[in-house]
Amino acid sequence: MSTCHLILFLKKSHQVCLHRAFHFFTFSIVPSTFAHLCPSRLSIVMALPKSTLSRCSSAPPRMSSTSISQASASKTFAQASIRVTGPDSPSSEGLQEVDETIRTIKAHLSSRHRESGIELRVDLKSRHFNQITQFLDRTGVKYDVDGEHTLFIHGMITAIHQSLELLAMSIFARLKYEILLPEEARYLNAGAISYHLNGKIKGKGSKRQTSRKIPDQGFIFNDPQTKRRHRTVIFEAAFTETYDDLIRDMEQWLLHSRGEVQLVVLANIKEDKKQLLKQQKTDSFKDHAAKILEHFGNELGRSKHAEILMADACVYQGHQATNISGTLAERLNHEVDDIIDMVQVENWIGPITADFEFWVLRDSKPHRRGRARVFPGLIGYLPPIYAGDVIPLSCQGSFPNFDASRKLYLDLEEFRCQLLGGIREDAVERAYEYACPNSEDDEDDDYQE
């Protein structure tokens, strides 16, 4: 039989005899929280001034007064504790676990590791679990459940980060139609499918590693004989994460995928935040930001950046802005073309660089096959992807005269186009977040039922 306490604070006007207090709690509290419990299973502990207690003639029926003492915390409020017993009573321990889980999720989503997934141990059968899912649904985060105790939360990917994924899909199409034979290509697929790895990597890095990983993109080859799926090529990008964490991801894929992964393509994308900060201190940025706030800012955005508006007297008129809230998709509608045309990328995104690396296993250890700076220009040499990287050795015997040396070079100009598109999209997103912050993001969400 479980027990929990509900602490209430009553003004002196409500400090009546226990009988009247019992009815006050019965009609004000029980219907919303404990309606399924009968009154006989309630016990009330009151802390009331002696002057109030003296007016109580008798205890109400079906109520046990277990303890009465002088209230010392405040002269204005009295403290009442309702003890609810029974198999269906709320669990304070369960609520505490929910609170800790949501705080962990919030901390992850506000960290530089938010573009990676996170795995949490929770009780999926708990009746409090829906509070966690309600919070995730409001946040817009994708999540999966596995078994009875695992909650996997997907990363919040930026458009810049997605540039590698788009390039990978282009590589996939070229492999199927330019390099592989039709009888080989029919078994090749692509997808960001989760996989349980059999170990973790220790060493440098601050990101929390999980045994279940979802790559940014991957190539999957189905064995024609056994129908087993082999994840042979993995694509991983880092934008907000560190290079050390990216290397640990690569090592985990190569060393703990049971020999399946044969090639890991890394994209280390970096933003010069110092240069961005310097740019956002200039008069040109302030003028630009004031125009964004004037045309697209909501009330909260104008309030948070009032100094920008005040500095531009011709912009700031003191009028109340239209409240534009919700997700970016909900906010765009007919104004989207205007803000896309208005946003100046250099005011919202710092200078970007991107390096590619190819990693394979050699003598059971990760070996870097090649590395090159691919953005803003090409510096270095990037090797090709071979047919032998895509189709595992155990499956190559299914195809007569298989040539593992067939190769495909990456179209780096296509990647640059995809990256430039992602940079502009993220610049627009940051401009909207600046002008139209969501008040729910700044407050402690009321995620309880």
Protein backbone atom coordinates (compact mmCIF):
# COMPACT_ATOMS: atom_id res chain seq x y z
CA MET A 1 0.00 0.00 0.00
CA SER A 2 1.51 3.28 -1.11
CA THR A 3 1.31 6.65 0.61
CA CYS A 4 1.85 10.19 -0.65
CA HIS A 5 1.40 13.66 0.84
CA LEU A 6 -0.24 16.67 -0.75
CA ILE A 7 0.73 19.93 0.93
CA LEU A 8 -1.88 22.69 0.81
CA PHE A 9 -1.73 26.24 2.15
CA LEU A 10 -4.95 27.73 3.48
CA LYS A 11 -5.62 31.35 4.27
CA LYS A 12 -7.00 32.17 7.69
CA SER A 13 -10.41 32.58 6.14
CA HIS A 14 -10.30 28.85 5.39
CA GLN A 15 -9.09 27.82 8.82
CA VAL A 16 -12.35 26.37 10.00
CA CYS A 17 -13.08 23.33 12.08
CA LEU A 18 -11.85 20.00 10.85
CA HIS A 19 -15.30 18.95 9.75
CA ARG A 20 -15.69 21.97 7.44
CA ALA A 21 -12.07 21.59 6.30
CA PHE A 22 -12.75 17.98 5.37
CA HIS A 23 -15.65 19.00 3.19
CA PHE A 24 -13.52 21.78 1.65
CA PHE A 25 -10.88 19.24 0.66
CA THR A 26 -13.48 16.71 -0.46
CA PHE A 27 -15.17 19.00 -2.95
CA SER A 28 -12.13 21.05 -4.03
CA ILE A 29 -9.38 18.48 -4.18
CA VAL A 30 -10.75 14.96 -4.34
CA PRO A 31 -12.72 15.30 -7.60
CA SER A 32 -9.64 16.36 -9.57
CA THR A 33 -7.02 14.10 -8.04
CA PHE A 34 -8.42 11.42 -5.72
CA ALA A 35 -11.97 10.96 -6.99
CA HIS A 36 -11.46 7.22 -7.32
CA LEU A 37 -10.68 6.87 -3.59
CA CYS A 38 -13.37 6.64 -0.96
CA PRO A 39 -13.29 9.19 1.92
CA SER A 40 -12.58 6.46 4.45
CA ARG A 41 -9.14 6.03 2.92
CA LEU A 42 -8.18 9.66 3.47
CA SER A 43 -6.39 10.84 6.55
CA ILE A 44 -5.83 14.57 7.05
CA VAL A 45 -3.06 16.09 9.09
CA MET A 46 -3.74 19.77 9.87
CA ALA A 47 -1.42 22.38 11.29
CA LEU A 48 -3.69 25.19 12.46
CA PRO A 49 -3.48 27.99 15.07
CA LYS A 50 -4.87 27.11 18.51
CA SER A 51 -7.62 29.70 18.08
CA THR A 52 -8.90 27.76 15.10
CA LEU A 53 -8.59 24.38 16.76
CA SER A 54 -10.65 25.54 19.72
CA ARG A 55 -13.63 26.06 17.41
CA CYS A 56 -13.55 22.44 16.30
CA SER A 57 -16.14 20.47 18.20
CA SER A 58 -15.48 17.01 16.82
CA ALA A 59 -13.67 15.17 14.12
CA PRO A 60 -15.70 14.46 10.96
CA PRO A 61 -16.89 10.97 10.31
CA ARG A 62 -14.60 8.55 8.48
CA MET A 63 -11.58 10.73 9.20
CA SER A 64 -8.72 9.99 11.57
CA SER A 65 -6.97 13.01 13.01
CA THR A 66 -3.46 11.66 13.43
CA SER A 67 -1.57 14.77 14.45
CA ILE A 68 -2.36 18.40 15.29
CA SER A 69 0.23 21.03 16.14
CA GLN A 70 0.86 24.78 16.14
CA ALA A 71 1.72 26.35 12.72
CA SER A 72 4.97 28.26 13.00
CA ALA A 73 5.99 28.96 9.41
CA SER A 74 3.58 31.82 8.79
CA LYS A 75 0.85 33.81 10.53
CA THR A 76 -1.10 34.09 7.31
CA PHE A 77 -1.05 30.52 6.04
CA ALA A 78 -1.72 27.20 7.66
CA GLN A 79 -0.26 23.98 6.35
CA ALA A 80 -2.41 20.97 5.62
CA SER A 81 -1.12 17.56 4.61
CA ILE A 82 -3.49 15.06 3.03
CA ARG A 83 -2.33 11.50 3.21
CA VAL A 84 -3.77 9.25 0.50
CA THR A 85 -3.34 5.53 0.82
CA GLY A 86 -4.25 2.81 -1.58
CA PRO A 87 -2.92 0.96 -4.61
CA ASP A 88 -3.93 3.77 -7.01
CA SER A 89 -2.48 6.69 -5.07
CA PRO A 90 0.04 8.96 -6.83
CA SER A 91 3.70 8.06 -6.38
CA SER A 92 5.93 10.90 -5.26
CA GLU A 93 8.93 8.79 -6.24
CA GLY A 94 7.48 8.31 -9.73
CA LEU A 95 6.88 12.03 -10.13
CA GLN A 96 10.42 12.75 -9.01
CA GLU A 97 11.77 10.35 -11.63
CA VAL A 98 9.66 12.07 -14.30
CA ASP A 99 10.99 15.46 -13.22
CA GLU A 100 14.60 14.25 -13.32
CA THR A 101 14.10 12.65 -16.75
CA ILE A 102 12.61 15.81 -18.25
CA ARG A 103 15.40 17.92 -16.79
CA THR A 104 17.95 15.55 -18.34
CA ILE A 105 16.22 15.86 -21.72
CA LYS A 106 16.11 19.66 -21.46
CA ALA A 107 19.81 19.78 -20.59
CA HIS A 108 20.64 17.58 -23.59
CA LEU A 109 18.54 19.60 -26.05
CA SER A 110 20.18 22.84 -24.92
CA SER A 111 23.72 21.44 -25.11
CA ARG A 112 26.08 21.23 -28.06
CA HIS A 113 25.25 17.51 -28.27
CA ARG A 114 21.62 18.13 -29.20
CA GLU A 115 22.24 16.89 -32.75
CA SER A 116 22.96 13.39 -31.41
CA GLY A 117 20.51 10.96 -29.92
CA ILE A 118 20.38 10.08 -26.26
CA GLU A 119 19.31 6.85 -24.57
CA LEU A 120 17.56 6.96 -21.18
CA ARG A 121 16.46 4.28 -18.77
CA VAL A 122 12.84 4.85 -17.75
CA ASP A 123 9.86 2.80 -16.64
CA LEU A 124 7.75 2.75 -19.80
CA LYS A 125 4.89 1.05 -17.94
CA SER A 126 4.64 3.79 -15.34
CA ARG A 127 1.43 5.78 -15.50
CA HIS A 128 3.59 8.91 -15.26
CA PHE A 129 5.46 8.10 -18.50
CA ASN A 130 2.87 9.93 -20.60
CA GLN A 131 4.03 13.19 -18.99
CA ILE A 132 7.45 12.65 -20.59
CA THR A 133 5.95 11.91 -24.00
CA GLN A 134 3.67 14.97 -23.76
CA PHE A 135 6.74 17.13 -23.13
CA LEU A 136 8.58 15.57 -26.08
CA ASP A 137 5.57 16.04 -28.35
CA ARG A 138 5.37 19.73 -27.44
CA THR A 139 9.09 20.11 -28.07
CA GLY A 140 8.83 18.43 -31.48
CA VAL A 141 11.51 15.85 -30.75
CA LYS A 142 11.32 12.39 -32.33
CA TYR A 143 11.65 9.46 -29.95
CA ASP A 144 11.39 5.66 -29.85
CA VAL A 145 10.83 3.16 -27.07
CA ASP A 146 12.61 -0.17 -26.82
CA GLY A 147 11.49 -2.91 -24.45
CA GLU A 148 10.17 -1.79 -21.08
CA HIS A 149 12.96 0.48 -19.84
CA THR A 150 14.61 2.29 -22.78
CA LEU A 151 13.63 5.65 -24.25
CA PHE A 152 15.68 6.77 -27.25
CA ILE A 153 15.47 10.46 -28.18
CA HIS A 154 16.57 11.46 -31.68
CA GLY A 155 18.88 14.39 -32.25
CA MET A 156 17.70 17.86 -33.26
CA ILE A 157 19.40 18.17 -36.65
CA THR A 158 20.16 21.54 -38.26
CA ALA A 159 20.00 22.19 -42.00
CA ILE A 160 23.79 22.59 -42.07
CA HIS A 161 24.18 19.19 -40.44
CA GLN A 162 21.81 17.62 -43.00
CA SER A 163 24.07 18.60 -45.90
CA LEU A 164 26.04 15.36 -45.54
CA GLU A 165 22.85 13.29 -45.50
CA LEU A 166 21.72 14.89 -48.79
CA LEU A 167 25.12 14.21 -50.35
CA ALA A 168 24.93 10.58 -49.18
CA MET A 169 21.62 10.10 -50.98
CA SER A 170 23.17 11.46 -54.17
CA ILE A 171 26.10 9.04 -53.77
CA PHE A 172 23.63 6.21 -53.25
CA ALA A 173 21.81 6.98 -56.52
CA ARG A 174 25.08 7.20 -58.46
CA LEU A 175 26.32 3.89 -57.03
CA LYS A 176 23.14 2.11 -58.09
CA TYR A 177 23.01 3.53 -61.61
CA GLU A 178 26.65 4.27 -62.51
CA ILE A 179 28.87 1.79 -60.65
CA LEU A 180 27.03 -1.36 -59.62
CA LEU A 181 25.47 -3.88 -61.96
CA PRO A 182 21.66 -4.21 -61.87
CA GLU A 183 21.86 -7.61 -60.14
CA GLU A 184 24.05 -6.02 -57.45
CA ALA A 185 22.21 -2.72 -57.10
CA ARG A 186 18.89 -4.39 -56.33
CA TYR A 187 20.26 -5.44 -52.92
CA LEU A 188 21.61 -2.02 -51.96
CA ASN A 189 19.50 0.31 -49.81
CA ALA A 190 20.04 3.51 -47.87
CA GLY A 191 18.61 4.77 -44.60
CA ALA A 192 19.29 6.19 -41.16
CA ILE A 193 18.36 2.99 -39.34
CA SER A 194 19.24 2.41 -35.71
CA TYR A 195 21.70 -0.31 -34.78
CA HIS A 196 22.77 -1.85 -31.48
CA LEU A 197 26.54 -1.76 -31.16
CA ASN A 198 28.31 -4.20 -28.84
CA GLY A 199 30.56 -1.72 -27.07
CA LYS A 200 31.46 1.89 -26.32
CA ILE A 201 34.62 3.93 -26.77
CA LYS A 202 36.54 5.46 -23.90
CA GLY A 203 38.79 8.46 -24.26
CA LYS A 204 38.48 12.09 -25.30
CA GLY A 205 35.04 13.48 -25.88
CA SER A 206 32.19 14.88 -23.85
CA LYS A 207 29.21 13.32 -25.62
CA ARG A 208 27.36 10.57 -23.83
CA GLN A 209 27.73 7.39 -25.88
CA THR A 210 24.89 4.92 -26.25
CA SER A 211 24.82 1.31 -27.41
CA ARG A 212 22.05 2.15 -29.85
CA LYS A 213 23.14 4.51 -32.62
CA ILE A 214 21.44 6.13 -35.58
CA PRO A 215 23.82 7.46 -38.25
CA ASP A 216 23.13 10.56 -40.28
CA GLN A 217 22.88 8.19 -43.24
CA GLY A 218 24.06 4.72 -44.15
CA PHE A 219 24.23 2.17 -46.96
CA ILE A 220 22.72 -1.23 -46.26
CA PHE A 221 23.40 -4.32 -48.35
CA ASN A 222 21.05 -7.31 -48.12
CA ASP A 223 22.78 -10.67 -48.44
CA PRO A 224 21.19 -12.41 -51.47
CA GLN A 225 21.49 -15.80 -49.75
CA THR A 226 20.74 -15.23 -46.07
CA LYS A 227 18.75 -11.95 -46.45
CA ARG A 228 20.81 -10.54 -43.60
CA ARG A 229 21.25 -6.76 -43.69
CA HIS A 230 24.80 -5.42 -43.55
CA ARG A 231 25.43 -1.76 -42.72
CA THR A 232 28.53 -1.26 -44.79
CA VAL A 233 29.00 2.51 -45.19
CA ILE A 234 28.18 5.03 -42.46
CA PHE A 235 27.96 8.84 -42.78
CA GLU A 236 28.42 10.96 -39.65
CA ALA A 237 28.49 14.78 -39.47
CA ALA A 238 29.35 17.13 -36.62
CA PHE A 239 28.36 20.77 -36.51
CA THR A 240 27.73 21.66 -32.87
CA GLU A 241 29.74 18.68 -31.58
CA THR A 242 33.49 18.44 -31.13
CA TYR A 243 35.92 16.62 -33.41
CA ASP A 244 36.82 14.27 -30.55
CA ASP A 245 33.20 13.17 -30.27
CA LEU A 246 33.04 12.65 -34.04
CA ILE A 247 36.13 10.41 -33.90
CA ARG A 248 34.61 8.39 -31.06
CA ASP A 249 31.50 7.86 -33.20
CA MET A 250 33.67 6.57 -36.03
CA GLU A 251 35.59 4.22 -33.73
CA GLN A 252 32.41 2.85 -32.24
CA TRP A 253 31.01 2.06 -35.68
CA LEU A 254 34.19 0.38 -36.93
CA LEU A 255 35.11 -1.51 -33.77
CA HIS A 256 31.72 -2.51 -32.38
CA SER A 257 29.50 -3.26 -35.39
CA ARG A 258 30.50 -6.95 -35.49
CA GLY A 259 32.54 -6.39 -38.63
CA GLU A 260 29.66 -5.00 -40.68
CA VAL A 261 30.77 -1.37 -41.16
CA GLN A 262 33.57 -1.14 -43.73
CA LEU A 263 33.77 2.61 -44.34
CA VAL A 264 32.87 5.66 -42.23
CA VAL A 265 32.62 9.04 -43.97
CA LEU A 266 33.01 11.96 -41.55
CA ALA A 267 32.07 15.59 -42.14
CA ASN A 268 33.52 17.95 -39.55
CA ILE A 269 31.65 21.24 -40.08
CA LYS A 270 32.72 24.20 -37.97
CA GLU A 271 31.42 27.72 -37.44
CA ASP A 272 33.61 30.64 -36.42
CA LYS A 273 31.57 31.84 -33.44
CA LYS A 274 34.10 34.52 -32.50
CA GLN A 275 33.74 36.18 -35.89
CA LEU A 276 29.94 35.95 -35.61
CA LEU A 277 30.01 37.59 -32.18
CA LYS A 278 32.19 40.38 -33.55
CA GLN A 279 29.78 40.87 -36.46
CA GLN A 280 26.77 41.06 -34.13
CA LYS A 281 28.35 43.97 -32.28
CA THR A 282 28.50 46.13 -35.38
CA ASP A 283 26.06 48.91 -36.30
CA SER A 284 25.18 47.12 -39.53
CA PHE A 285 23.92 44.10 -37.58
CA LYS A 286 21.92 46.29 -35.20
CA ASP A 287 20.23 48.05 -38.10
CA HIS A 288 19.49 44.71 -39.74
CA ALA A 289 18.17 43.17 -36.49
CA ALA A 290 15.90 46.19 -35.91
CA LYS A 291 14.28 45.69 -39.31
CA ILE A 292 13.77 41.97 -38.58
CA LEU A 293 12.15 42.83 -35.25
CA GLU A 294 9.95 45.49 -36.84
CA HIS A 295 8.58 43.26 -39.56
CA PHE A 296 8.53 39.83 -37.89
CA GLY A 297 9.09 40.25 -34.13
CA ASN A 298 6.56 39.12 -31.57
CA GLU A 299 5.97 40.84 -28.23
CA LEU A 300 8.52 38.72 -26.38
CA GLY A 301 11.17 39.27 -29.06
CA ARG A 302 10.70 43.03 -29.01
CA SER A 303 10.84 43.05 -25.23
CA LYS A 304 14.05 40.99 -25.07
CA HIS A 305 15.78 43.16 -27.67
CA ALA A 306 14.26 46.52 -26.78
CA GLU A 307 17.69 48.18 -26.83
CA ILE A 308 18.04 47.32 -30.53
CA LEU A 309 14.70 48.94 -31.31
CA MET A 310 15.36 51.94 -29.09
CA ALA A 311 18.65 52.55 -30.89
CA ASP A 312 16.76 52.88 -34.15
CA ALA A 313 14.16 55.59 -33.45
CA CYS A 314 12.63 55.33 -36.88
CA VAL A 315 11.87 51.68 -36.30
CA TYR A 316 10.68 51.62 -32.72
CA GLN A 317 7.22 53.16 -32.36
CA GLY A 318 6.20 51.49 -29.13
CA HIS A 319 3.35 49.66 -30.81
CA GLN A 320 2.46 46.12 -29.86
CA ALA A 321 3.65 43.47 -32.26
CA THR A 322 1.57 40.68 -33.59
CA ASN A 323 2.30 37.60 -31.52
CA ILE A 324 3.90 35.08 -33.84
CA SER A 325 4.49 31.89 -31.92
CA GLY A 326 4.84 28.16 -32.42
CA THR A 327 7.30 26.26 -34.55
CA LEU A 328 9.10 27.71 -37.52
CA ALA A 329 6.77 25.93 -39.93
CA GLU A 330 3.74 27.47 -38.23
CA ARG A 331 5.28 30.95 -38.25
CA LEU A 332 6.38 31.16 -41.87
CA ASN A 333 3.11 31.25 -43.95
CA HIS A 334 2.82 34.34 -46.17
CA GLU A 335 5.75 36.20 -44.59
CA VAL A 336 8.36 33.55 -45.34
CA ASP A 337 9.47 34.97 -48.70
CA ASP A 338 9.98 38.40 -47.19
CA ILE A 339 12.21 37.26 -44.34
CA ILE A 340 14.23 34.93 -46.56
CA ASP A 341 14.95 37.86 -48.82
CA MET A 342 15.65 40.14 -45.85
CA VAL A 343 17.99 37.87 -43.86
CA GLN A 344 21.68 38.54 -44.38
CA VAL A 345 23.48 35.26 -43.72
CA GLU A 346 26.66 36.82 -42.32
CA ASN A 347 24.63 38.41 -39.52
CA TRP A 348 23.38 35.05 -38.23
CA ILE A 349 25.94 32.41 -39.23
CA GLY A 350 29.68 32.68 -38.67
CA PRO A 351 32.19 31.67 -41.38
CA ILE A 352 31.88 27.93 -42.12
CA THR A 353 34.57 25.36 -42.88
CA ALA A 354 34.05 21.66 -43.65
CA ASP A 355 36.52 18.78 -43.67
CA PHE A 356 35.84 15.26 -44.97
CA GLU A 357 37.59 12.14 -43.70
CA PHE A 358 37.36 8.49 -44.84
CA TRP A 359 38.03 5.84 -42.18
CA VAL A 360 38.40 2.06 -42.58
CA LEU A 361 39.74 -0.83 -40.52
CA ARG A 362 43.33 -1.89 -41.12
CA ASP A 363 44.87 -4.63 -38.97
CA SER A 364 41.80 -4.39 -36.69
CA LYS A 365 42.46 -0.70 -36.00
CA PRO A 366 40.80 2.44 -37.42
CA HIS A 367 42.85 3.89 -40.28
CA ARG A 368 42.26 7.18 -42.06
CA ARG A 369 42.20 6.54 -45.79
CA GLY A 370 42.02 10.22 -46.74
CA ARG A 371 41.24 13.75 -45.58
CA ALA A 372 40.45 17.02 -47.36
CA ARG A 373 39.06 20.50 -46.73
CA VAL A 374 35.96 20.62 -48.96
CA PHE A 375 34.44 23.99 -47.99
CA PRO A 376 34.77 26.82 -48.81
CA GLY A 377 37.34 25.40 -51.26
CA LEU A 378 39.11 22.09 -51.86
CA ILE A 379 42.41 21.58 -50.05
CA GLY A 380 43.92 18.09 -50.04
CA TYR A 381 42.92 14.79 -51.65
CA LEU A 382 39.76 12.78 -51.06
CA PRO A 383 39.82 9.13 -52.16
CA PRO A 384 36.91 7.39 -53.90
CA ILE A 385 34.33 5.01 -52.53
CA TYR A 386 34.91 1.50 -53.88
CA ALA A 387 32.39 -1.17 -54.77
CA GLY A 388 34.16 -3.34 -52.21
CA ASP A 389 33.26 -0.80 -49.51
CA VAL A 390 29.58 -1.09 -50.30
CA ILE A 391 29.21 -4.85 -50.81
CA PRO A 392 30.71 -6.96 -47.97
CA LEU A 393 33.25 -9.64 -48.71
CA SER A 394 30.86 -12.36 -47.53
CA CYS A 395 28.39 -11.35 -50.26
CA GLN A 396 30.77 -10.72 -53.14
CA GLY A 397 30.86 -14.43 -54.01
CA SER A 398 27.17 -14.25 -54.94
CA PHE A 399 28.10 -12.26 -58.08
CA PRO A 400 30.30 -13.85 -60.77
CA ASN A 401 33.44 -11.89 -61.68
CA PHE A 402 32.82 -9.32 -58.96
CA ASP A 403 35.12 -6.29 -59.32
CA ALA A 404 35.70 -4.70 -55.92
CA SER A 405 37.97 -1.99 -57.38
CA ARG A 406 35.19 -0.08 -59.15
CA LYS A 407 35.20 3.42 -57.73
CA LEU A 408 33.09 6.53 -57.38
CA TYR A 409 34.44 9.99 -56.58
CA LEU A 410 32.33 12.38 -54.54
CA ASP A 411 30.77 15.35 -56.29
CA LEU A 412 32.07 18.01 -53.93
CA GLU A 413 30.45 20.84 -55.87
CA GLU A 414 27.08 19.28 -55.10
CA PHE A 415 27.99 19.15 -51.42
CA ARG A 416 28.94 22.83 -51.47
CA CYS A 417 25.55 23.69 -52.97
CA GLN A 418 23.76 21.65 -50.32
CA LEU A 419 25.83 23.23 -47.55
CA LEU A 420 25.17 26.78 -48.80
CA GLY A 421 21.46 26.01 -48.85
CA GLY A 422 21.66 24.69 -45.29
CA ILE A 423 23.57 27.77 -44.13
CA ARG A 424 20.84 30.05 -45.46
CA GLU A 425 18.07 27.96 -43.92
CA ASP A 426 19.76 28.01 -40.51
CA ALA A 427 20.32 31.76 -40.81
CA VAL A 428 16.58 32.24 -41.35
CA GLU A 429 15.84 29.94 -38.41
CA ARG A 430 18.16 31.89 -36.11
CA ALA A 431 16.64 35.18 -37.25
CA TYR A 432 13.16 33.89 -36.42
CA GLU A 433 14.30 32.61 -33.03
CA TYR A 434 15.79 36.04 -32.36
CA ALA A 435 12.67 37.97 -33.39
CA CYS A 436 10.00 35.47 -32.36
CA PRO A 437 11.22 33.48 -29.33
CA ASN A 438 8.76 30.94 -28.05
CA SER A 439 7.86 31.84 -24.47
CA GLU A 440 7.50 28.15 -23.60
CA ASP A 441 11.18 27.66 -24.33
CA ASP A 442 12.11 30.27 -21.72
CA GLU A 443 9.85 28.96 -18.98
CA ASP A 444 9.75 25.78 -16.98
CA ASP A 445 7.09 23.84 -18.86
CA ASP A 446 4.08 22.67 -16.90
CA TYR A 447 4.40 19.07 -17.90
CA GLN A 448 2.40 17.58 -15.01
CA GLU A 449 -1.09 16.29 -15.51
